[in-house]
Amino acid sequence: MSVALQVRDLTVTYRTDAGLVRAVDDASFDVTAGERLGLVGESGSGKTTTMLALMRMLRPPGRCERGSAIVDGTDLLALPQSAMRAHRMRTITYIPQGAMNALNPVLPVLAQIRNALVDHGEPAASVSARAAAALAGVNLDAAVLRRYPHELSGGMKQRVCIALATLLRPKVIIADEPTSALDVVTQRQVMETLGAQQAESGAALVLIGHDIGLMAQFVHRLAVMYAGRLVETGTIREVLTAPRHPYTRALIGSVPQLRRRGVLGGIPGVTPSLRDLPPGCAFHPRCDVAQGRCTAERPNLEGRDDAHRVACHYALGAP
């Protein structure tokens, strides 16, 4: 399969009164057409910041210091904002975490779809038909076009967001915790809708989230992020059955399991402040296998093959 999204050396910083903070540090990854990549990590690990940087939606004092994000031969990070505006929704699109906050509360659904189509040069005469077809693709009746966001359920609002995001058949879809605050039945419906839309278009999809169980059912590959850096990447089966990074093992171990009823696992300590990261491996203060080298030398993301890589001095049996 061809590479739909190629990210190299992405670095995002925030200038604060306490100095320069690296929210994303040298992130590199690929997503092929039709593939689903899951990006997991604790809150503050840099997942959403990474994707907002790709969409060129960072707000000051956030700044993309360096890196590239190539889609269909175009480096999105090198484009002027005026050119990037044309690529959003058509080349790369974003499904936000909070559907209610993403939709305009004073416009009916049809008006919001019309604005998106017209803004990207689509003829106004075909808007109604395109809008009805878009809602049908996410299993919503055309009557929803006349409704306002507050008249829709949480699941319906999220499906409207999916319809809007996939309206122009983008090559890359970014979904930022699309099932947040939804009940489990609605979560399943939303993920089935998202999966069907992505499969029909052949787009690459990046799913941001905390739910390892959801990732196991939905994505093909998993990338684990900690303190702004990728610490492990691999196929979902490899990472879940043979995790190499201590942080990945801790994340998986914190998922409730029926055979351990009443026992809740957790990760000791707290996530470090990005303004004051520990030297060496940022995870070493919370790691149960850390040794002297971990406190002084930062490990690189590497592996015996490209399929499964890890940033840990001892994960690959190194001395």
C-alpha atoms as a PDB file:
ATOM      1  CA  MET A   1       0.000   0.000   0.000  1.00  0.00           C
ATOM      2  CA  SER A   2       1.134   3.539  -0.706  1.00  0.00           C
ATOM      3  CA  VAL A   3       2.037   5.887   2.142  1.00  0.00           C
ATOM      4  CA  ALA A   4      -0.810   8.380   2.643  1.00  0.00           C
ATOM      5  CA  LEU A   5       0.821  10.370   5.461  1.00  0.00           C
ATOM      6  CA  GLN A   6       4.543  10.617   6.117  1.00  0.00           C
ATOM      7  CA  VAL A   7       5.587  12.571   9.210  1.00  0.00           C
ATOM      8  CA  ARG A   8       9.259  13.217   9.893  1.00  0.00           C
ATOM      9  CA  ASP A   9      10.981  14.906  12.857  1.00  0.00           C
ATOM     10  CA  LEU A  10       7.900  16.838  13.966  1.00  0.00           C
ATOM     11  CA  THR A  11       8.784  19.159  16.839  1.00  0.00           C
ATOM     12  CA  VAL A  12       6.275  21.488  18.500  1.00  0.00           C
ATOM     13  CA  THR A  13       7.241  24.014  21.145  1.00  0.00           C
ATOM     14  CA  TYR A  14       5.455  26.462  23.437  1.00  0.00           C
ATOM     15  CA  ARG A  15       7.237  29.594  24.597  1.00  0.00           C
ATOM     16  CA  THR A  16       6.355  30.252  28.245  1.00  0.00           C
ATOM     17  CA  ASP A  17       7.570  32.522  31.024  1.00  0.00           C
ATOM     18  CA  ALA A  18       9.538  29.553  32.337  1.00  0.00           C
ATOM     19  CA  GLY A  19      11.255  28.982  28.990  1.00  0.00           C
ATOM     20  CA  LEU A  20      10.764  26.892  25.864  1.00  0.00           C
ATOM     21  CA  VAL A  21       8.662  23.741  26.288  1.00  0.00           C
ATOM     22  CA  ARG A  22       8.764  20.874  23.804  1.00  0.00           C
ATOM     23  CA  ALA A  23       5.274  19.416  23.592  1.00  0.00           C
ATOM     24  CA  VAL A  24       6.185  17.126  20.675  1.00  0.00           C
ATOM     25  CA  ASP A  25       9.781  16.016  20.222  1.00  0.00           C
ATOM     26  CA  ASP A  26      11.026  14.562  16.910  1.00  0.00           C
ATOM     27  CA  ALA A  27       7.947  12.478  16.122  1.00  0.00           C
ATOM     28  CA  SER A  28       8.201  10.396  12.930  1.00  0.00           C
ATOM     29  CA  PHE A  29       5.671   7.895  11.600  1.00  0.00           C
ATOM     30  CA  ASP A  30       3.912   6.734   8.421  1.00  0.00           C
ATOM     31  CA  VAL A  31       0.300   5.761   7.765  1.00  0.00           C
ATOM     32  CA  THR A  32      -0.564   3.928   4.553  1.00  0.00           C
ATOM     33  CA  ALA A  33      -3.762   4.306   2.548  1.00  0.00           C
ATOM     34  CA  GLY A  34      -6.575   2.311   4.145  1.00  0.00           C
ATOM     35  CA  GLU A  35      -4.620   1.794   7.360  1.00  0.00           C
ATOM     36  CA  ARG A  36      -5.748   2.702  10.886  1.00  0.00           C
ATOM     37  CA  LEU A  37      -3.105   3.923  13.312  1.00  0.00           C
ATOM     38  CA  GLY A  38      -3.920   4.328  16.996  1.00  0.00           C
ATOM     39  CA  LEU A  39      -2.084   6.967  19.042  1.00  0.00           C
ATOM     40  CA  VAL A  40      -2.308   6.387  22.805  1.00  0.00           C
ATOM     41  CA  GLY A  41      -0.838   7.876  25.940  1.00  0.00           C
ATOM     42  CA  GLU A  42      -1.832   9.653  29.141  1.00  0.00           C
ATOM     43  CA  SER A  43      -3.303  13.147  29.048  1.00  0.00           C
ATOM     44  CA  GLY A  44      -0.620  15.683  28.233  1.00  0.00           C
ATOM     45  CA  SER A  45       1.556  13.228  26.321  1.00  0.00           C
ATOM     46  CA  GLY A  46       1.311  15.253  23.092  1.00  0.00           C
ATOM     47  CA  LYS A  47      -1.226  13.255  21.071  1.00  0.00           C
ATOM     48  CA  THR A  48      -3.652  16.046  20.212  1.00  0.00           C
ATOM     49  CA  THR A  49      -0.853  18.597  19.831  1.00  0.00           C
ATOM     50  CA  THR A  50       0.741  16.345  17.206  1.00  0.00           C
ATOM     51  CA  MET A  51      -2.442  16.205  15.159  1.00  0.00           C
ATOM     52  CA  LEU A  52      -3.250  19.901  15.526  1.00  0.00           C
ATOM     53  CA  ALA A  53       0.237  20.602  14.183  1.00  0.00           C
ATOM     54  CA  LEU A  54      -0.479  18.442  11.126  1.00  0.00           C
ATOM     55  CA  MET A  55      -3.725  20.369  10.582  1.00  0.00           C
ATOM     56  CA  ARG A  56      -1.854  23.677  11.060  1.00  0.00           C
ATOM     57  CA  MET A  57      -4.337  24.562  13.794  1.00  0.00           C
ATOM     58  CA  LEU A  58      -1.888  25.315  16.615  1.00  0.00           C
ATOM     59  CA  ARG A  59      -2.548  28.551  18.444  1.00  0.00           C
ATOM     60  CA  PRO A  60       0.185  30.851  19.811  1.00  0.00           C
ATOM     61  CA  PRO A  61       2.346  30.405  21.769  1.00  0.00           C
ATOM     62  CA  GLY A  62       2.407  26.964  20.161  1.00  0.00           C
ATOM     63  CA  ARG A  63       4.752  26.717  17.187  1.00  0.00           C
ATOM     64  CA  CYS A  64       5.899  23.967  14.843  1.00  0.00           C
ATOM     65  CA  GLU A  65       9.665  24.332  15.062  1.00  0.00           C
ATOM     66  CA  ARG A  66      10.590  21.802  12.404  1.00  0.00           C
ATOM     67  CA  GLY A  67       9.531  18.675  10.604  1.00  0.00           C
ATOM     68  CA  SER A  68       7.490  17.664   7.590  1.00  0.00           C
ATOM     69  CA  ALA A  69       4.070  16.121   6.985  1.00  0.00           C
ATOM     70  CA  ILE A  70       3.733  14.906   3.427  1.00  0.00           C
ATOM     71  CA  VAL A  71       0.376  13.958   1.937  1.00  0.00           C
ATOM     72  CA  ASP A  72       0.080  13.259  -1.795  1.00  0.00           C
ATOM     73  CA  GLY A  73       3.479  14.820  -2.449  1.00  0.00           C
ATOM     74  CA  THR A  74       2.719  18.046  -0.557  1.00  0.00           C
ATOM     75  CA  ASP A  75       4.432  19.067   2.667  1.00  0.00           C
ATOM     76  CA  LEU A  76       1.549  20.513   4.663  1.00  0.00           C
ATOM     77  CA  LEU A  77       3.879  22.131   7.186  1.00  0.00           C
ATOM     78  CA  ALA A  78       5.612  24.146   4.453  1.00  0.00           C
ATOM     79  CA  LEU A  79       2.427  25.653   3.008  1.00  0.00           C
ATOM     80  CA  PRO A  80       1.332  29.227   3.704  1.00  0.00           C
ATOM     81  CA  GLN A  81      -1.890  29.403   5.735  1.00  0.00           C
ATOM     82  CA  SER A  82      -3.892  30.534   2.704  1.00  0.00           C
ATOM     83  CA  ALA A  83      -2.908  27.391   0.800  1.00  0.00           C
ATOM     84  CA  MET A  84      -3.387  25.142   3.821  1.00  0.00           C
ATOM     85  CA  ARG A  85      -6.985  26.301   4.106  1.00  0.00           C
ATOM     86  CA  ALA A  86      -7.741  24.619   0.782  1.00  0.00           C
ATOM     87  CA  HIS A  87      -6.135  21.353   1.938  1.00  0.00           C
ATOM     88  CA  ARG A  88      -8.181  21.035   5.129  1.00  0.00           C
ATOM     89  CA  MET A  89     -11.132  18.683   4.577  1.00  0.00           C
ATOM     90  CA  ARG A  90      -9.978  17.911   1.035  1.00  0.00           C
ATOM     91  CA  THR A  91      -6.539  16.436   1.771  1.00  0.00           C
ATOM     92  CA  ILE A  92      -6.491  16.014   5.542  1.00  0.00           C
ATOM     93  CA  THR A  93      -9.415  16.323   7.934  1.00  0.00           C
ATOM     94  CA  TYR A  94     -10.063  16.359  11.666  1.00  0.00           C
ATOM     95  CA  ILE A  95     -12.911  14.886  13.716  1.00  0.00           C
ATOM     96  CA  PRO A  96     -12.870  16.681  17.093  1.00  0.00           C
ATOM     97  CA  GLN A  97     -13.383  15.222  20.534  1.00  0.00           C
ATOM     98  CA  GLY A  98     -16.355  17.417  21.458  1.00  0.00           C
ATOM     99  CA  ALA A  99     -19.000  17.393  18.723  1.00  0.00           C
ATOM    100  CA  MET A 100     -21.191  19.954  20.501  1.00  0.00           C
ATOM    101  CA  ASN A 101     -18.317  22.427  20.653  1.00  0.00           C
ATOM    102  CA  ALA A 102     -17.291  21.749  17.051  1.00  0.00           C
ATOM    103  CA  LEU A 103     -20.711  22.411  15.510  1.00  0.00           C
ATOM    104  CA  ASN A 104     -22.079  25.947  15.264  1.00  0.00           C
ATOM    105  CA  PRO A 105     -25.008  26.085  17.717  1.00  0.00           C
ATOM    106  CA  VAL A 106     -26.919  28.799  15.792  1.00  0.00           C
ATOM    107  CA  LEU A 107     -26.855  27.147  12.342  1.00  0.00           C
ATOM    108  CA  PRO A 108     -28.812  24.106  11.168  1.00  0.00           C
ATOM    109  CA  VAL A 109     -26.822  21.156   9.870  1.00  0.00           C
ATOM    110  CA  LEU A 110     -27.519  21.987   6.217  1.00  0.00           C
ATOM    111  CA  ALA A 111     -26.059  25.476   6.566  1.00  0.00           C
ATOM    112  CA  GLN A 112     -22.891  24.067   8.122  1.00  0.00           C
ATOM    113  CA  ILE A 113     -22.456  21.547   5.335  1.00  0.00           C
ATOM    114  CA  ARG A 114     -23.212  24.254   2.754  1.00  0.00           C
ATOM    115  CA  ASN A 115     -20.522  26.504   4.216  1.00  0.00           C
ATOM    116  CA  ALA A 116     -17.948  23.718   4.009  1.00  0.00           C
ATOM    117  CA  LEU A 117     -18.815  22.833   0.400  1.00  0.00           C
ATOM    118  CA  VAL A 118     -19.011  26.381  -0.924  1.00  0.00           C
ATOM    119  CA  ASP A 119     -15.800  27.361   0.852  1.00  0.00           C
ATOM    120  CA  HIS A 120     -14.028  24.606  -1.087  1.00  0.00           C
ATOM    121  CA  GLY A 121     -15.408  25.651  -4.456  1.00  0.00           C
ATOM    122  CA  GLU A 122     -18.336  23.251  -4.764  1.00  0.00           C
ATOM    123  CA  PRO A 123     -21.306  24.598  -6.792  1.00  0.00           C
ATOM    124  CA  ALA A 124     -24.133  25.873  -4.596  1.00  0.00           C
ATOM    125  CA  ALA A 125     -26.736  24.140  -6.765  1.00  0.00           C
ATOM    126  CA  SER A 126     -25.572  20.679  -5.704  1.00  0.00           C
ATOM    127  CA  VAL A 127     -25.284  21.403  -1.977  1.00  0.00           C
ATOM    128  CA  SER A 128     -28.622  19.917  -0.880  1.00  0.00           C
ATOM    129  CA  ALA A 129     -28.089  16.650  -2.734  1.00  0.00           C
ATOM    130  CA  ARG A 130     -24.487  16.355  -1.505  1.00  0.00           C
ATOM    131  CA  ALA A 131     -25.571  17.095   2.065  1.00  0.00           C
ATOM    132  CA  ALA A 132     -28.333  14.473   2.020  1.00  0.00           C
ATOM    133  CA  ALA A 133     -25.918  11.903   0.569  1.00  0.00           C
ATOM    134  CA  ALA A 134     -23.338  12.740   3.250  1.00  0.00           C
ATOM    135  CA  LEU A 135     -25.858  12.140   6.046  1.00  0.00           C
ATOM    136  CA  ALA A 136     -27.061   8.930   4.418  1.00  0.00           C
ATOM    137  CA  GLY A 137     -23.446   7.736   4.469  1.00  0.00           C
ATOM    138  CA  VAL A 138     -23.423   8.010   8.267  1.00  0.00           C
ATOM    139  CA  ASN A 139     -26.913   6.516   8.673  1.00  0.00           C
ATOM    140  CA  LEU A 140     -28.761   9.754   9.354  1.00  0.00           C
ATOM    141  CA  ASP A 141     -32.054  10.777   7.770  1.00  0.00           C
ATOM    142  CA  ALA A 142     -32.148  13.838   5.502  1.00  0.00           C
ATOM    143  CA  ALA A 143     -34.549  15.448   8.010  1.00  0.00           C
ATOM    144  CA  VAL A 144     -31.516  16.012  10.249  1.00  0.00           C
ATOM    145  CA  LEU A 145     -30.381  18.711   7.790  1.00  0.00           C
ATOM    146  CA  ARG A 146     -33.060  21.051   9.146  1.00  0.00           C
ATOM    147  CA  ARG A 147     -32.155  20.514  12.791  1.00  0.00           C
ATOM    148  CA  TYR A 148     -29.856  22.489  15.049  1.00  0.00           C
ATOM    149  CA  PRO A 149     -27.080  20.753  17.035  1.00  0.00           C
ATOM    150  CA  HIS A 150     -28.971  21.024  20.339  1.00  0.00           C
ATOM    151  CA  GLU A 151     -31.805  18.989  18.802  1.00  0.00           C
ATOM    152  CA  LEU A 152     -29.521  16.011  18.162  1.00  0.00           C
ATOM    153  CA  SER A 153     -28.301  13.299  20.502  1.00  0.00           C
ATOM    154  CA  GLY A 154     -24.593  12.930  21.272  1.00  0.00           C
ATOM    155  CA  GLY A 155     -24.198  10.074  18.797  1.00  0.00           C
ATOM    156  CA  MET A 156     -26.041  11.962  16.057  1.00  0.00           C
ATOM    157  CA  LYS A 157     -23.859  15.043  16.576  1.00  0.00           C
ATOM    158  CA  GLN A 158     -20.721  12.933  16.306  1.00  0.00           C
ATOM    159  CA  ARG A 159     -21.989  11.313  13.099  1.00  0.00           C
ATOM    160  CA  VAL A 160     -22.695  14.774  11.662  1.00  0.00           C
ATOM    161  CA  CYS A 161     -19.067  15.638  12.442  1.00  0.00           C
ATOM    162  CA  ILE A 162     -17.942  12.472  10.632  1.00  0.00           C
ATOM    163  CA  ALA A 163     -20.111  13.416   7.643  1.00  0.00           C
ATOM    164  CA  LEU A 164     -18.597  16.906   7.571  1.00  0.00           C
ATOM    165  CA  ALA A 165     -15.055  15.596   7.916  1.00  0.00           C
ATOM    166  CA  THR A 166     -15.392  13.045   5.094  1.00  0.00           C
ATOM    167  CA  LEU A 167     -17.482  15.247   2.810  1.00  0.00           C
ATOM    168  CA  LEU A 168     -14.665  15.873   0.314  1.00  0.00           C
ATOM    169  CA  ARG A 169     -13.123  12.377   0.505  1.00  0.00           C
ATOM    170  CA  PRO A 170      -9.817  13.352   2.163  1.00  0.00           C
ATOM    171  CA  LYS A 171      -6.754  11.134   2.008  1.00  0.00           C
ATOM    172  CA  VAL A 172      -6.090  11.338   5.760  1.00  0.00           C
ATOM    173  CA  ILE A 173      -8.663  11.348   8.584  1.00  0.00           C
ATOM    174  CA  ILE A 174      -7.686  12.303  12.125  1.00  0.00           C
ATOM    175  CA  ALA A 175     -10.191  11.300  14.813  1.00  0.00           C
ATOM    176  CA  ASP A 176      -9.531  12.770  18.262  1.00  0.00           C
ATOM    177  CA  GLU A 177     -11.287  10.580  20.838  1.00  0.00           C
ATOM    178  CA  PRO A 178     -14.502  10.536  18.774  1.00  0.00           C
ATOM    179  CA  THR A 179     -16.398   8.447  21.347  1.00  0.00           C
ATOM    180  CA  SER A 180     -15.595  10.614  24.363  1.00  0.00           C
ATOM    181  CA  ALA A 181     -18.577  11.065  26.738  1.00  0.00           C
ATOM    182  CA  LEU A 182     -20.764   8.629  24.764  1.00  0.00           C
ATOM    183  CA  ASP A 183     -22.388   5.503  26.211  1.00  0.00           C
ATOM    184  CA  VAL A 184     -20.967   2.151  25.102  1.00  0.00           C
ATOM    185  CA  VAL A 185     -23.785   1.386  22.639  1.00  0.00           C
ATOM    186  CA  THR A 186     -23.419   4.761  20.941  1.00  0.00           C
ATOM    187  CA  GLN A 187     -19.637   4.375  20.965  1.00  0.00           C
ATOM    188  CA  ARG A 188     -19.977   1.193  18.939  1.00  0.00           C
ATOM    189  CA  GLN A 189     -22.310   2.865  16.452  1.00  0.00           C
ATOM    190  CA  VAL A 190     -19.979   5.831  15.998  1.00  0.00           C
ATOM    191  CA  MET A 191     -16.909   3.628  15.495  1.00  0.00           C
ATOM    192  CA  GLU A 192     -18.754   1.415  13.010  1.00  0.00           C
ATOM    193  CA  THR A 193     -19.795   4.535  11.100  1.00  0.00           C
ATOM    194  CA  LEU A 194     -16.260   5.923  11.135  1.00  0.00           C
ATOM    195  CA  GLY A 195     -14.801   2.605  10.030  1.00  0.00           C
ATOM    196  CA  ALA A 196     -17.289   2.270   7.180  1.00  0.00           C
ATOM    197  CA  GLN A 197     -16.577   5.798   5.932  1.00  0.00           C
ATOM    198  CA  GLN A 198     -12.842   5.255   6.067  1.00  0.00           C
ATOM    199  CA  ALA A 199     -13.020   1.867   4.337  1.00  0.00           C
ATOM    200  CA  GLU A 200     -15.283   3.225   1.595  1.00  0.00           C
ATOM    201  CA  SER A 201     -12.905   6.095   0.792  1.00  0.00           C
ATOM    202  CA  GLY A 202      -9.648   4.184   1.287  1.00  0.00           C
ATOM    203  CA  ALA A 203      -8.265   7.012   3.426  1.00  0.00           C
ATOM    204  CA  ALA A 204      -5.625   6.613   6.101  1.00  0.00           C
ATOM    205  CA  LEU A 205      -6.967   7.106   9.633  1.00  0.00           C
ATOM    206  CA  VAL A 206      -5.268   8.185  12.857  1.00  0.00           C
ATOM    207  CA  LEU A 207      -7.298   7.492  16.005  1.00  0.00           C
ATOM    208  CA  ILE A 208      -6.304   9.358  19.176  1.00  0.00           C
ATOM    209  CA  GLY A 209      -7.468   7.898  22.464  1.00  0.00           C
ATOM    210  CA  HIS A 210      -6.889   6.380  25.890  1.00  0.00           C
ATOM    211  CA  ASP A 211      -9.025   3.266  25.474  1.00  0.00           C
ATOM    212  CA  ILE A 212      -6.686   0.346  24.780  1.00  0.00           C
ATOM    213  CA  GLY A 213      -9.688  -1.989  24.433  1.00  0.00           C
ATOM    214  CA  LEU A 214     -11.179   0.185  21.687  1.00  0.00           C
ATOM    215  CA  MET A 215      -7.815   0.347  19.925  1.00  0.00           C
ATOM    216  CA  ALA A 216      -7.517  -3.437  20.029  1.00  0.00           C
ATOM    217  CA  GLN A 217     -10.814  -3.786  18.170  1.00  0.00           C
ATOM    218  CA  PHE A 218     -10.331  -1.003  15.637  1.00  0.00           C
ATOM    219  CA  VAL A 219      -6.762  -0.134  14.611  1.00  0.00           C
ATOM    220  CA  HIS A 220      -4.116  -2.014  12.652  1.00  0.00           C
ATOM    221  CA  ARG A 221      -1.069  -0.415  14.276  1.00  0.00           C
ATOM    222  CA  LEU A 222      -0.434   1.310  17.587  1.00  0.00           C
ATOM    223  CA  ALA A 223       1.884   4.191  18.506  1.00  0.00           C
ATOM    224  CA  VAL A 224       2.483   4.925  22.194  1.00  0.00           C
ATOM    225  CA  MET A 225       3.429   8.470  23.238  1.00  0.00           C
ATOM    226  CA  TYR A 226       4.955   9.681  26.499  1.00  0.00           C
ATOM    227  CA  ALA A 227       6.090  13.220  27.403  1.00  0.00           C
ATOM    228  CA  GLY A 228       6.003  14.345  23.787  1.00  0.00           C
ATOM    229  CA  ARG A 229       7.945  11.414  22.333  1.00  0.00           C
ATOM    230  CA  LEU A 230       6.956   8.193  20.614  1.00  0.00           C
ATOM    231  CA  VAL A 231       8.197   5.325  22.796  1.00  0.00           C
ATOM    232  CA  GLU A 232       6.801   2.288  20.961  1.00  0.00           C
ATOM    233  CA  THR A 233       5.211   1.535  17.588  1.00  0.00           C
ATOM    234  CA  GLY A 234       4.088  -1.740  16.065  1.00  0.00           C
ATOM    235  CA  THR A 235       1.140  -3.767  14.890  1.00  0.00           C
ATOM    236  CA  ILE A 236      -1.712  -3.889  17.363  1.00  0.00           C
ATOM    237  CA  ARG A 237      -1.171  -7.620  17.891  1.00  0.00           C
ATOM    238  CA  GLU A 238       2.576  -7.242  18.533  1.00  0.00           C
ATOM    239  CA  VAL A 239       2.230  -4.332  20.919  1.00  0.00           C
ATOM    240  CA  LEU A 240      -0.600  -5.865  22.956  1.00  0.00           C
ATOM    241  CA  THR A 241       0.788  -9.403  23.155  1.00  0.00           C
ATOM    242  CA  ALA A 242       4.489  -8.557  23.454  1.00  0.00           C
ATOM    243  CA  PRO A 243       4.892  -4.942  24.623  1.00  0.00           C
ATOM    244  CA  ARG A 244       8.548  -3.967  24.871  1.00  0.00           C
ATOM    245  CA  HIS A 245       8.451  -0.584  26.584  1.00  0.00           C
ATOM    246  CA  PRO A 246       7.743  -0.530  30.347  1.00  0.00           C
ATOM    247  CA  TYR A 247       5.284   2.336  29.823  1.00  0.00           C
ATOM    248  CA  THR A 248       3.325   0.335  27.237  1.00  0.00           C
ATOM    249  CA  ARG A 249       3.188  -2.616  29.632  1.00  0.00           C
ATOM    250  CA  ALA A 250       1.944  -0.312  32.373  1.00  0.00           C
ATOM    251  CA  LEU A 251      -0.791   1.136  30.128  1.00  0.00           C
ATOM    252  CA  ILE A 252      -1.987  -2.337  29.180  1.00  0.00           C
ATOM    253  CA  GLY A 253      -1.798  -3.476  32.797  1.00  0.00           C
ATOM    254  CA  SER A 254      -4.043  -0.623  33.908  1.00  0.00           C
ATOM    255  CA  VAL A 255      -6.950  -1.906  31.772  1.00  0.00           C
ATOM    256  CA  PRO A 256      -9.555  -3.669  33.990  1.00  0.00           C
ATOM    257  CA  GLN A 257      -9.780  -7.422  33.331  1.00  0.00           C
ATOM    258  CA  LEU A 258     -12.496  -9.882  34.270  1.00  0.00           C
ATOM    259  CA  ARG A 259     -10.016 -12.458  35.566  1.00  0.00           C
ATOM    260  CA  ARG A 260      -8.679  -9.822  37.981  1.00  0.00           C
ATOM    261  CA  ARG A 261     -12.069  -8.667  39.222  1.00  0.00           C
ATOM    262  CA  GLY A 262     -11.805  -6.060  41.958  1.00  0.00           C
ATOM    263  CA  VAL A 263      -8.121  -5.374  41.225  1.00  0.00           C
ATOM    264  CA  LEU A 264      -7.344  -2.128  39.399  1.00  0.00           C
ATOM    265  CA  GLY A 265      -3.849  -1.636  38.091  1.00  0.00           C
ATOM    266  CA  GLY A 266      -2.177   1.714  37.713  1.00  0.00           C
ATOM    267  CA  ILE A 267       1.033   3.475  36.802  1.00  0.00           C
ATOM    268  CA  PRO A 268       3.020   4.714  39.805  1.00  0.00           C
ATOM    269  CA  GLY A 269       3.903   8.377  40.048  1.00  0.00           C
ATOM    270  CA  VAL A 270       2.641  11.177  37.825  1.00  0.00           C
ATOM    271  CA  THR A 271       3.428  12.369  34.331  1.00  0.00           C
ATOM    272  CA  PRO A 272       6.383  14.761  34.360  1.00  0.00           C
ATOM    273  CA  SER A 273       6.067  18.460  33.643  1.00  0.00           C
ATOM    274  CA  LEU A 274       7.232  19.242  30.121  1.00  0.00           C
ATOM    275  CA  ARG A 275       8.949  22.317  31.580  1.00  0.00           C
ATOM    276  CA  ASP A 276      11.154  20.119  33.739  1.00  0.00           C
ATOM    277  CA  LEU A 277      11.645  16.695  32.175  1.00  0.00           C
ATOM    278  CA  PRO A 278      13.965  14.281  33.978  1.00  0.00           C
ATOM    279  CA  PRO A 279      17.298  13.617  32.245  1.00  0.00           C
ATOM    280  CA  GLY A 280      17.737  10.533  30.106  1.00  0.00           C
ATOM    281  CA  CYS A 281      14.549   8.536  29.547  1.00  0.00           C
ATOM    282  CA  ALA A 282      11.616  10.672  30.697  1.00  0.00           C
ATOM    283  CA  PHE A 283       9.841   7.575  32.054  1.00  0.00           C
ATOM    284  CA  HIS A 284      12.681   6.382  34.294  1.00  0.00           C
ATOM    285  CA  PRO A 285      11.285   7.854  37.591  1.00  0.00           C
ATOM    286  CA  ARG A 286       8.166   5.689  37.152  1.00  0.00           C
ATOM    287  CA  CYS A 287       9.860   2.667  35.578  1.00  0.00           C
ATOM    288  CA  ASP A 288      10.297  -0.610  37.487  1.00  0.00           C
ATOM    289  CA  VAL A 289      13.294  -1.737  35.391  1.00  0.00           C
ATOM    290  CA  ALA A 290      15.230   1.548  35.103  1.00  0.00           C
ATOM    291  CA  GLN A 291      19.005   1.357  35.557  1.00  0.00           C
ATOM    292  CA  GLY A 292      21.835   3.855  35.632  1.00  0.00           C
ATOM    293  CA  ARG A 293      21.958   4.359  31.884  1.00  0.00           C
ATOM    294  CA  CYS A 294      18.281   5.347  31.831  1.00  0.00           C
ATOM    295  CA  THR A 295      18.914   8.391  34.029  1.00  0.00           C
ATOM    296  CA  ALA A 296      21.623   9.816  31.784  1.00  0.00           C
ATOM    297  CA  GLU A 297      21.040   8.785  28.164  1.00  0.00           C
ATOM    298  CA  ARG A 298      17.834   9.304  26.189  1.00  0.00           C
ATOM    299  CA  PRO A 299      16.965   6.196  24.129  1.00  0.00           C
ATOM    300  CA  ASN A 300      16.106   6.384  20.422  1.00  0.00           C
ATOM    301  CA  LEU A 301      13.102   4.753  18.795  1.00  0.00           C
ATOM    302  CA  GLU A 302      14.544   1.685  17.102  1.00  0.00           C
ATOM    303  CA  GLY A 303      14.025  -2.012  16.553  1.00  0.00           C
ATOM    304  CA  ARG A 304      15.277  -5.117  14.862  1.00  0.00           C
ATOM    305  CA  ASP A 305      12.797  -4.375  12.088  1.00  0.00           C
ATOM    306  CA  ASP A 306      10.616  -1.423  11.082  1.00  0.00           C
ATOM    307  CA  ALA A 307       7.421  -3.210  12.135  1.00  0.00           C
ATOM    308  CA  HIS A 308       8.031  -2.990  15.899  1.00  0.00           C
ATOM    309  CA  ARG A 309      10.198  -0.218  17.330  1.00  0.00           C
ATOM    310  CA  VAL A 310      10.799   0.889  20.897  1.00  0.00           C
ATOM    311  CA  ALA A 311      12.662   3.679  22.724  1.00  0.00           C
ATOM    312  CA  CYS A 312      14.125   1.762  25.651  1.00  0.00           C
ATOM    313  CA  HIS A 313      17.751   0.875  26.416  1.00  0.00           C
ATOM    314  CA  TYR A 314      16.905  -2.587  27.691  1.00  0.00           C
ATOM    315  CA  ALA A 315      13.864  -3.611  25.657  1.00  0.00           C
ATOM    316  CA  LEU A 316      15.941  -5.165  22.873  1.00  0.00           C
ATOM    317  CA  GLY A 317      18.395  -6.905  25.162  1.00  0.00           C
ATOM    318  CA  ALA A 318      21.010  -4.175  24.928  1.00  0.00           C
ATOM    319  CA  PRO A 319      23.811  -4.308  27.523  1.00  0.00           C
END
